[in-house]
Amino acid sequence: MAARHRLQARIARDDSRAWAVKRRERTRQLIELGGLIAKAGLIELTDDDRAVIFGLLLGGVAKLQSERRDETVTLWRRRGKRAFELAADADTSG
């Protein structure tokens, strides 16, 4: 029984069919995006309230659909890059 499960797991890992590759890529993307939510501190700041987090994201969508989209994207990109750099500096120094 365990050998069959190991075989199925190996086959799943080695599966290169297009739909399986796309599914793995999407899963990885979703995990990375969830990691960004955690890295930003939203889980702790909202007490893991999914409705609050979703509402926050919808607020961001509204800003991106506004006439000031380009300014907003520039500002958020700058903040994000700075935060990534600070995190990388903290990782290398500590």
PDB file of N, CA and C in Angstrom:
ATOM      1  N   MET A   1       0.827  -1.193   0.000  1.00  0.00           N
ATOM      2  CA  MET A   1       0.000   0.000   0.000  1.00  0.00           C
ATOM      3  C   MET A   1       0.871   1.256   0.000  1.00  0.00           C
ATOM      4  N   ALA A   2       1.865   1.316   0.909  1.00  0.00           N
ATOM      5  CA  ALA A   2       2.740   2.490   0.988  1.00  0.00           C
ATOM      6  C   ALA A   2       3.569   2.633  -0.286  1.00  0.00           C
ATOM      7  N   ALA A   3       3.972   1.513  -0.863  1.00  0.00           N
ATOM      8  CA  ALA A   3       4.759   1.565  -2.097  1.00  0.00           C
ATOM      9  C   ALA A   3       3.944   2.189  -3.228  1.00  0.00           C
ATOM     10  N   ARG A   4       2.663   1.868  -3.276  1.00  0.00           N
ATOM     11  CA  ARG A   4       1.809   2.441  -4.321  1.00  0.00           C
ATOM     12  C   ARG A   4       1.696   3.960  -4.141  1.00  0.00           C
ATOM     13  N   HIS A   5       1.575   4.405  -2.882  1.00  0.00           N
ATOM     14  CA  HIS A   5       1.482   5.846  -2.627  1.00  0.00           C
ATOM     15  C   HIS A   5       2.778   6.559  -3.018  1.00  0.00           C
ATOM     16  N   ARG A   6       3.905   5.908  -2.725  1.00  0.00           N
ATOM     17  CA  ARG A   6       5.193   6.502  -3.124  1.00  0.00           C
ATOM     18  C   ARG A   6       5.294   6.590  -4.638  1.00  0.00           C
ATOM     19  N   LEU A   7       4.850   5.538  -5.323  1.00  0.00           N
ATOM     20  CA  LEU A   7       4.871   5.531  -6.782  1.00  0.00           C
ATOM     21  C   LEU A   7       3.976   6.645  -7.332  1.00  0.00           C
ATOM     22  N   GLN A   8       2.768   6.778  -6.778  1.00  0.00           N
ATOM     23  CA  GLN A   8       1.864   7.832  -7.235  1.00  0.00           C
ATOM     24  C   GLN A   8       2.462   9.211  -6.977  1.00  0.00           C
ATOM     25  N   ALA A   9       3.116   9.400  -5.846  1.00  0.00           N
ATOM     26  CA  ALA A   9       3.741  10.685  -5.531  1.00  0.00           C
ATOM     27  C   ALA A   9       4.869  10.988  -6.513  1.00  0.00           C
ATOM     28  N   ARG A  10       5.665   9.956  -6.840  1.00  0.00           N
ATOM     29  CA  ARG A  10       6.755  10.159  -7.798  1.00  0.00           C
ATOM     30  C   ARG A  10       6.204  10.510  -9.168  1.00  0.00           C
ATOM     31  N   ILE A  11       5.163   9.828  -9.570  1.00  0.00           N
ATOM     32  CA  ILE A  11       4.546  10.102 -10.871  1.00  0.00           C
ATOM     33  C   ILE A  11       4.005  11.523 -10.894  1.00  0.00           C
ATOM     34  N   ALA A  12       3.373  11.940  -9.812  1.00  0.00           N
ATOM     35  CA  ALA A  12       2.826  13.299  -9.741  1.00  0.00           C
ATOM     36  C   ALA A  12       3.942  14.330  -9.840  1.00  0.00           C
ATOM     37  N   ARG A  13       5.072  14.088  -9.185  1.00  0.00           N
ATOM     38  CA  ARG A  13       6.202  15.020  -9.239  1.00  0.00           C
ATOM     39  C   ARG A  13       6.778  15.108 -10.646  1.00  0.00           C
ATOM     40  N   ASP A  14       6.809  13.984 -11.331  1.00  0.00           N
ATOM     41  CA  ASP A  14       7.423  13.924 -12.656  1.00  0.00           C
ATOM     42  C   ASP A  14       6.439  14.203 -13.781  1.00  0.00           C
ATOM     43  N   ASP A  15       5.184  14.435 -13.461  1.00  0.00           N
ATOM     44  CA  ASP A  15       4.149  14.642 -14.471  1.00  0.00           C
ATOM     45  C   ASP A  15       4.438  15.932 -15.230  1.00  0.00           C
ATOM     46  N   SER A  16       4.668  15.832 -16.532  1.00  0.00           N
ATOM     47  CA  SER A  16       4.990  17.013 -17.323  1.00  0.00           C
ATOM     48  C   SER A  16       3.892  17.352 -18.319  1.00  0.00           C
ATOM     49  N   ARG A  17       2.720  16.754 -18.124  1.00  0.00           N
ATOM     50  CA  ARG A  17       1.611  17.115 -18.997  1.00  0.00           C
ATOM     51  C   ARG A  17       1.301  18.591 -18.797  1.00  0.00           C
ATOM     52  N   ALA A  18       0.839  19.216 -19.852  1.00  0.00           N
ATOM     53  CA  ALA A  18       0.620  20.665 -19.834  1.00  0.00           C
ATOM     54  C   ALA A  18      -0.289  21.084 -18.689  1.00  0.00           C
ATOM     55  N   TRP A  19      -1.391  20.370 -18.470  1.00  0.00           N
ATOM     56  CA  TRP A  19      -2.313  20.782 -17.410  1.00  0.00           C
ATOM     57  C   TRP A  19      -1.689  20.647 -16.038  1.00  0.00           C
ATOM     58  N   ALA A  20      -0.841  19.652 -15.848  1.00  0.00           N
ATOM     59  CA  ALA A  20      -0.193  19.461 -14.555  1.00  0.00           C
ATOM     60  C   ALA A  20       0.845  20.551 -14.310  1.00  0.00           C
ATOM     61  N   VAL A  21       1.578  20.907 -15.359  1.00  0.00           N
ATOM     62  CA  VAL A  21       2.573  21.969 -15.246  1.00  0.00           C
ATOM     63  C   VAL A  21       1.880  23.287 -14.912  1.00  0.00           C
ATOM     64  N   LYS A  22       0.785  23.574 -15.601  1.00  0.00           N
ATOM     65  CA  LYS A  22       0.044  24.814 -15.333  1.00  0.00           C
ATOM     66  C   LYS A  22      -0.503  24.831 -13.911  1.00  0.00           C
ATOM     67  N   ARG A  23      -1.005  23.690 -13.462  1.00  0.00           N
ATOM     68  CA  ARG A  23      -1.547  23.613 -12.105  1.00  0.00           C
ATOM     69  C   ARG A  23      -0.457  23.869 -11.074  1.00  0.00           C
ATOM     70  N   ARG A  24       0.730  23.277 -11.280  1.00  0.00           N
ATOM     71  CA  ARG A  24       1.842  23.512 -10.348  1.00  0.00           C
ATOM     72  C   ARG A  24       2.281  24.969 -10.370  1.00  0.00           C
ATOM     73  N   GLU A  25       2.328  25.568 -11.557  1.00  0.00           N
ATOM     74  CA  GLU A  25       2.710  26.985 -11.656  1.00  0.00           C
ATOM     75  C   GLU A  25       1.709  27.860 -10.910  1.00  0.00           C
ATOM     76  N   ARG A  26       0.422  27.573 -11.079  1.00  0.00           N
ATOM     77  CA  ARG A  26      -0.613  28.359 -10.400  1.00  0.00           C
ATOM     78  C   ARG A  26      -0.535  28.165  -8.886  1.00  0.00           C
ATOM     79  N   THR A  27      -0.300  26.929  -8.456  1.00  0.00           N
ATOM     80  CA  THR A  27      -0.170  26.659  -7.022  1.00  0.00           C
ATOM     81  C   THR A  27       1.003  27.435  -6.447  1.00  0.00           C
ATOM     82  N   ARG A  28       2.116  27.429  -7.152  1.00  0.00           N
ATOM     83  CA  ARG A  28       3.295  28.171  -6.685  1.00  0.00           C
ATOM     84  C   ARG A  28       2.993  29.667  -6.608  1.00  0.00           C
ATOM     85  N   GLN A  29       2.306  30.195  -7.627  1.00  0.00           N
ATOM     86  CA  GLN A  29       1.950  31.610  -7.633  1.00  0.00           C
ATOM     87  C   GLN A  29       1.070  31.952  -6.428  1.00  0.00           C
ATOM     88  N   LEU A  30       0.071  31.122  -6.153  1.00  0.00           N
ATOM     89  CA  LEU A  30      -0.830  31.392  -5.034  1.00  0.00           C
ATOM     90  C   LEU A  30      -0.097  31.322  -3.701  1.00  0.00           C
ATOM     91  N   ILE A  31       0.818  30.388  -3.556  1.00  0.00           N
ATOM     92  CA  ILE A  31       1.607  30.278  -2.332  1.00  0.00           C
ATOM     93  C   ILE A  31       2.471  31.525  -2.163  1.00  0.00           C
ATOM     94  N   GLU A  32       3.108  31.976  -3.242  1.00  0.00           N
ATOM     95  CA  GLU A  32       3.946  33.172  -3.159  1.00  0.00           C
ATOM     96  C   GLU A  32       3.123  34.404  -2.804  1.00  0.00           C
ATOM     97  N   LEU A  33       1.923  34.533  -3.395  1.00  0.00           N
ATOM     98  CA  LEU A  33       1.067  35.679  -3.088  1.00  0.00           C
ATOM     99  C   LEU A  33       0.603  35.632  -1.632  1.00  0.00           C
ATOM    100  N   GLY A  34       0.283  34.451  -1.143  1.00  0.00           N
ATOM    101  CA  GLY A  34      -0.064  34.316   0.271  1.00  0.00           C
ATOM    102  C   GLY A  34       1.111  34.687   1.161  1.00  0.00           C
ATOM    103  N   GLY A  35       2.303  34.351   0.718  1.00  0.00           N
ATOM    104  CA  GLY A  35       3.506  34.730   1.460  1.00  0.00           C
ATOM    105  C   GLY A  35       3.676  36.232   1.542  1.00  0.00           C
ATOM    106  N   LEU A  36       3.310  36.924   0.470  1.00  0.00           N
ATOM    107  CA  LEU A  36       3.388  38.387   0.501  1.00  0.00           C
ATOM    108  C   LEU A  36       2.413  38.981   1.510  1.00  0.00           C
ATOM    109  N   ILE A  37       1.242  38.393   1.602  1.00  0.00           N
ATOM    110  CA  ILE A  37       0.252  38.862   2.585  1.00  0.00           C
ATOM    111  C   ILE A  37       0.815  38.670   3.994  1.00  0.00           C
ATOM    112  N   ALA A  38       1.441  37.529   4.225  1.00  0.00           N
ATOM    113  CA  ALA A  38       2.046  37.270   5.527  1.00  0.00           C
ATOM    114  C   ALA A  38       3.223  38.213   5.774  1.00  0.00           C
ATOM    115  N   LYS A  39       4.070  38.382   4.769  1.00  0.00           N
ATOM    116  CA  LYS A  39       5.257  39.221   4.907  1.00  0.00           C
ATOM    117  C   LYS A  39       4.890  40.674   5.210  1.00  0.00           C
ATOM    118  N   ALA A  40       3.767  41.132   4.656  1.00  0.00           N
ATOM    119  CA  ALA A  40       3.318  42.500   4.904  1.00  0.00           C
ATOM    120  C   ALA A  40       2.755  42.666   6.312  1.00  0.00           C
ATOM    121  N   GLY A  41       2.510  41.568   7.003  1.00  0.00           N
ATOM    122  CA  GLY A  41       1.987  41.641   8.363  1.00  0.00           C
ATOM    123  C   GLY A  41       0.476  41.705   8.436  1.00  0.00           C
ATOM    124  N   LEU A  42      -0.193  41.467   7.317  1.00  0.00           N
ATOM    125  CA  LEU A  42      -1.648  41.603   7.293  1.00  0.00           C
ATOM    126  C   LEU A  42      -2.362  40.549   8.134  1.00  0.00           C
ATOM    127  N   ILE A  43      -1.778  39.394   8.274  1.00  0.00           N
ATOM    128  CA  ILE A  43      -2.433  38.341   9.049  1.00  0.00           C
ATOM    129  C   ILE A  43      -2.538  38.765  10.516  1.00  0.00           C
ATOM    130  N   GLU A  44      -1.423  39.237  11.067  1.00  0.00           N
ATOM    131  CA  GLU A  44      -1.420  39.661  12.465  1.00  0.00           C
ATOM    132  C   GLU A  44      -2.224  40.943  12.660  1.00  0.00           C
ATOM    133  N   LEU A  45      -2.067  41.885  11.745  1.00  0.00           N
ATOM    134  CA  LEU A  45      -2.742  43.177  11.893  1.00  0.00           C
ATOM    135  C   LEU A  45      -4.260  43.072  11.798  1.00  0.00           C
ATOM    136  N   THR A  46      -4.750  42.050  11.119  1.00  0.00           N
ATOM    137  CA  THR A  46      -6.204  41.878  10.953  1.00  0.00           C
ATOM    138  C   THR A  46      -6.744  40.724  11.786  1.00  0.00           C
ATOM    139  N   ASP A  47      -5.912  40.143  12.635  1.00  0.00           N
ATOM    140  CA  ASP A  47      -6.286  38.939  13.398  1.00  0.00           C
ATOM    141  C   ASP A  47      -6.787  37.848  12.462  1.00  0.00           C
ATOM    142  N   ASP A  48      -6.159  37.733  11.322  1.00  0.00           N
ATOM    143  CA  ASP A  48      -6.466  36.710  10.310  1.00  0.00           C
ATOM    144  C   ASP A  48      -7.926  36.784   9.861  1.00  0.00           C
ATOM    145  N   ASP A  49      -8.447  38.018   9.794  1.00  0.00           N
ATOM    146  CA  ASP A  49      -9.826  38.234   9.339  1.00  0.00           C
ATOM    147  C   ASP A  49      -9.809  38.323   7.813  1.00  0.00           C
ATOM    148  N   ARG A  50     -10.243  37.259   7.159  1.00  0.00           N
ATOM    149  CA  ARG A  50     -10.183  37.165   5.705  1.00  0.00           C
ATOM    150  C   ARG A  50     -11.021  38.246   5.036  1.00  0.00           C
ATOM    151  N   ALA A  51     -12.152  38.630   5.653  1.00  0.00           N
ATOM    152  CA  ALA A  51     -12.999  39.668   5.073  1.00  0.00           C
ATOM    153  C   ALA A  51     -12.269  41.009   5.061  1.00  0.00           C
ATOM    154  N   VAL A  52     -11.525  41.296   6.121  1.00  0.00           N
ATOM    155  CA  VAL A  52     -10.763  42.550   6.174  1.00  0.00           C
ATOM    156  C   VAL A  52      -9.664  42.537   5.116  1.00  0.00           C
ATOM    157  N   ILE A  53      -8.944  41.428   5.030  1.00  0.00           N
ATOM    158  CA  ILE A  53      -7.865  41.329   4.042  1.00  0.00           C
ATOM    159  C   ILE A  53      -8.427  41.456   2.629  1.00  0.00           C
ATOM    160  N   PHE A  54      -9.541  40.786   2.360  1.00  0.00           N
ATOM    161  CA  PHE A  54     -10.156  40.870   1.039  1.00  0.00           C
ATOM    162  C   PHE A  54     -10.635  42.295   0.762  1.00  0.00           C
ATOM    163  N   GLY A  55     -11.231  42.936   1.766  1.00  0.00           N
ATOM    164  CA  GLY A  55     -11.663  44.330   1.602  1.00  0.00           C
ATOM    165  C   GLY A  55     -10.492  45.254   1.309  1.00  0.00           C
ATOM    166  N   LEU A  56      -9.377  45.017   1.976  1.00  0.00           N
ATOM    167  CA  LEU A  56      -8.169  45.799   1.721  1.00  0.00           C
ATOM    168  C   LEU A  56      -7.698  45.617   0.280  1.00  0.00           C
ATOM    169  N   LEU A  57      -7.707  44.399  -0.176  1.00  0.00           N
ATOM    170  CA  LEU A  57      -7.306  44.123  -1.558  1.00  0.00           C
ATOM    171  C   LEU A  57      -8.264  44.771  -2.549  1.00  0.00           C
ATOM    172  N   LEU A  58      -9.560  44.733  -2.250  1.00  0.00           N
ATOM    173  CA  LEU A  58     -10.530  45.380  -3.128  1.00  0.00           C
ATOM    174  C   LEU A  58     -10.325  46.893  -3.153  1.00  0.00           C
ATOM    175  N   GLY A  59      -9.914  47.467  -2.030  1.00  0.00           N
ATOM    176  CA  GLY A  59      -9.572  48.891  -2.007  1.00  0.00           C
ATOM    177  C   GLY A  59      -8.400  49.180  -2.937  1.00  0.00           C
ATOM    178  N   GLY A  60      -7.432  48.273  -2.952  1.00  0.00           N
ATOM    179  CA  GLY A  60      -6.303  48.424  -3.868  1.00  0.00           C
ATOM    180  C   GLY A  60      -6.736  48.320  -5.316  1.00  0.00           C
ATOM    181  N   VAL A  61      -7.653  47.406  -5.597  1.00  0.00           N
ATOM    182  CA  VAL A  61      -8.179  47.260  -6.957  1.00  0.00           C
ATOM    183  C   VAL A  61      -8.853  48.563  -7.395  1.00  0.00           C
ATOM    184  N   ALA A  62      -9.633  49.155  -6.497  1.00  0.00           N
ATOM    185  CA  ALA A  62     -10.318  50.411  -6.824  1.00  0.00           C
ATOM    186  C   ALA A  62      -9.309  51.501  -7.154  1.00  0.00           C
ATOM    187  N   LYS A  63      -8.213  51.561  -6.396  1.00  0.00           N
ATOM    188  CA  LYS A  63      -7.179  52.562  -6.689  1.00  0.00           C
ATOM    189  C   LYS A  63      -6.543  52.303  -8.051  1.00  0.00           C
ATOM    190  N   LEU A  64      -6.337  51.024  -8.365  1.00  0.00           N
ATOM    191  CA  LEU A  64      -5.729  50.693  -9.653  1.00  0.00           C
ATOM    192  C   LEU A  64      -6.670  50.967 -10.825  1.00  0.00           C
ATOM    193  N   GLN A  65      -7.949  51.049 -10.560  1.00  0.00           N
ATOM    194  CA  GLN A  65      -8.917  51.355 -11.615  1.00  0.00           C
ATOM    195  C   GLN A  65      -9.207  52.850 -11.714  1.00  0.00           C
ATOM    196  N   SER A  66      -8.558  53.645 -10.892  1.00  0.00           N
ATOM    197  CA  SER A  66      -8.811  55.085 -10.895  1.00  0.00           C
ATOM    198  C   SER A  66      -7.935  55.785 -11.937  1.00  0.00           C
ATOM    199  N   GLU A  67      -8.173  57.055 -12.084  1.00  0.00           N
ATOM    200  CA  GLU A  67      -7.386  57.845 -13.036  1.00  0.00           C
ATOM    201  C   GLU A  67      -5.944  58.037 -12.574  1.00  0.00           C
ATOM    202  N   ARG A  68      -5.693  57.821 -11.295  1.00  0.00           N
ATOM    203  CA  ARG A  68      -4.341  58.009 -10.752  1.00  0.00           C
ATOM    204  C   ARG A  68      -3.584  56.683 -10.658  1.00  0.00           C
ATOM    205  N   ARG A  69      -3.948  55.749 -11.512  1.00  0.00           N
ATOM    206  CA  ARG A  69      -3.345  54.412 -11.494  1.00  0.00           C
ATOM    207  C   ARG A  69      -1.824  54.458 -11.579  1.00  0.00           C
ATOM    208  N   ASP A  70      -1.297  55.197 -12.539  1.00  0.00           N
ATOM    209  CA  ASP A  70       0.153  55.209 -12.749  1.00  0.00           C
ATOM    210  C   ASP A  70       0.892  55.725 -11.513  1.00  0.00           C
ATOM    211  N   GLU A  71       0.382  56.776 -10.902  1.00  0.00           N
ATOM    212  CA  GLU A  71       1.008  57.315  -9.684  1.00  0.00           C
ATOM    213  C   GLU A  71       0.966  56.280  -8.566  1.00  0.00           C
ATOM    214  N   THR A  72      -0.171  55.625  -8.428  1.00  0.00           N
ATOM    215  CA  THR A  72      -0.342  54.618  -7.380  1.00  0.00           C
ATOM    216  C   THR A  72       0.618  53.455  -7.575  1.00  0.00           C
ATOM    217  N   VAL A  73       0.716  52.971  -8.807  1.00  0.00           N
ATOM    218  CA  VAL A  73       1.617  51.852  -9.097  1.00  0.00           C
ATOM    219  C   VAL A  73       3.060  52.250  -8.799  1.00  0.00           C
ATOM    220  N   THR A  74       3.447  53.454  -9.198  1.00  0.00           N
ATOM    221  CA  THR A  74       4.818  53.928  -8.946  1.00  0.00           C
ATOM    222  C   THR A  74       5.102  53.980  -7.449  1.00  0.00           C
ATOM    223  N   LEU A  75       4.169  54.535  -6.688  1.00  0.00           N
ATOM    224  CA  LEU A  75       4.338  54.645  -5.246  1.00  0.00           C
ATOM    225  C   LEU A  75       4.420  53.265  -4.599  1.00  0.00           C
ATOM    226  N   TRP A  76       3.488  52.377  -4.936  1.00  0.00           N
ATOM    227  CA  TRP A  76       3.476  51.051  -4.331  1.00  0.00           C
ATOM    228  C   TRP A  76       4.704  50.245  -4.729  1.00  0.00           C
ATOM    229  N   ARG A  77       5.147  50.380  -5.981  1.00  0.00           N
ATOM    230  CA  ARG A  77       6.345  49.652  -6.427  1.00  0.00           C
ATOM    231  C   ARG A  77       7.562  50.119  -5.632  1.00  0.00           C
ATOM    232  N   ARG A  78       7.683  51.424  -5.454  1.00  0.00           N
ATOM    233  CA  ARG A  78       8.806  51.991  -4.704  1.00  0.00           C
ATOM    234  C   ARG A  78       8.799  51.482  -3.262  1.00  0.00           C
ATOM    235  N   ARG A  79       7.624  51.515  -2.642  1.00  0.00           N
ATOM    236  CA  ARG A  79       7.510  51.018  -1.260  1.00  0.00           C
ATOM    237  C   ARG A  79       7.860  49.535  -1.175  1.00  0.00           C
ATOM    238  N   GLY A  80       7.348  48.761  -2.125  1.00  0.00           N
ATOM    239  CA  GLY A  80       7.600  47.320  -2.114  1.00  0.00           C
ATOM    240  C   GLY A  80       9.063  46.994  -2.304  1.00  0.00           C
ATOM    241  N   LYS A  81       9.698  47.669  -3.252  1.00  0.00           N
ATOM    242  CA  LYS A  81      11.130  47.421  -3.494  1.00  0.00           C
ATOM    243  C   LYS A  81      11.947  47.780  -2.258  1.00  0.00           C
ATOM    244  N   ARG A  82      11.604  48.909  -1.627  1.00  0.00           N
ATOM    245  CA  ARG A  82      12.321  49.342  -0.420  1.00  0.00           C
ATOM    246  C   ARG A  82      12.149  48.306   0.690  1.00  0.00           C
ATOM    247  N   ALA A  83      10.932  47.799   0.856  1.00  0.00           N
ATOM    248  CA  ALA A  83      10.674  46.799   1.896  1.00  0.00           C
ATOM    249  C   ALA A  83      11.434  45.502   1.608  1.00  0.00           C
ATOM    250  N   PHE A  84      11.465  45.073   0.344  1.00  0.00           N
ATOM    251  CA  PHE A  84      12.234  43.876  -0.014  1.00  0.00           C
ATOM    252  C   PHE A  84      13.716  44.087   0.290  1.00  0.00           C
ATOM    253  N   GLU A  85      14.243  45.262  -0.056  1.00  0.00           N
ATOM    254  CA  GLU A  85      15.654  45.543   0.203  1.00  0.00           C
ATOM    255  C   GLU A  85      15.960  45.546   1.693  1.00  0.00           C
ATOM    256  N   LEU A  86      15.085  46.156   2.487  1.00  0.00           N
ATOM    257  CA  LEU A  86      15.293  46.177   3.943  1.00  0.00           C
ATOM    258  C   LEU A  86      15.247  44.764   4.504  1.00  0.00           C
ATOM    259  N   ALA A  87      14.337  43.952   4.024  1.00  0.00           N
ATOM    260  CA  ALA A  87      14.242  42.562   4.483  1.00  0.00           C
ATOM    261  C   ALA A  87      15.498  41.788   4.098  1.00  0.00           C
ATOM    262  N   ALA A  88      15.984  42.004   2.888  1.00  0.00           N
ATOM    263  CA  ALA A  88      17.199  41.311   2.440  1.00  0.00           C
ATOM    264  C   ALA A  88      18.398  41.758   3.271  1.00  0.00           C
ATOM    265  N   ASP A  89      18.487  43.047   3.563  1.00  0.00           N
ATOM    266  CA  ASP A  89      19.574  43.561   4.408  1.00  0.00           C
ATOM    267  C   ASP A  89      19.509  42.953   5.803  1.00  0.00           C
ATOM    268  N   ALA A  90      18.295  42.849   6.349  1.00  0.00           N
ATOM    269  CA  ALA A  90      18.122  42.267   7.683  1.00  0.00           C
ATOM    270  C   ALA A  90      18.521  40.794   7.683  1.00  0.00           C
ATOM    271  N   ASP A  91      18.213  40.087   6.596  1.00  0.00           N
ATOM    272  CA  ASP A  91      18.562  38.671   6.494  1.00  0.00           C
ATOM    273  C   ASP A  91      20.060  38.469   6.444  1.00  0.00           C
ATOM    274  N   THR A  92      20.771  39.349   5.744  1.00  0.00           N
ATOM    275  CA  THR A  92      22.213  39.181   5.597  1.00  0.00           C
ATOM    276  C   THR A  92      22.986  39.678   6.809  1.00  0.00           C
ATOM    277  N   SER A  93      22.420  40.602   7.562  1.00  0.00           N
ATOM    278  CA  SER A  93      23.147  41.149   8.716  1.00  0.00           C
ATOM    279  C   SER A  93      22.840  40.404  10.010  1.00  0.00           C
ATOM    280  N   GLY A  94      21.800  39.602  10.003  1.00  0.00           N
ATOM    281  CA  GLY A  94      21.416  38.986  11.276  1.00  0.00           C
ATOM    282  C   GLY A  94      21.398  37.556  11.202  1.00  0.00           C
TER     283      GLY A  94
END
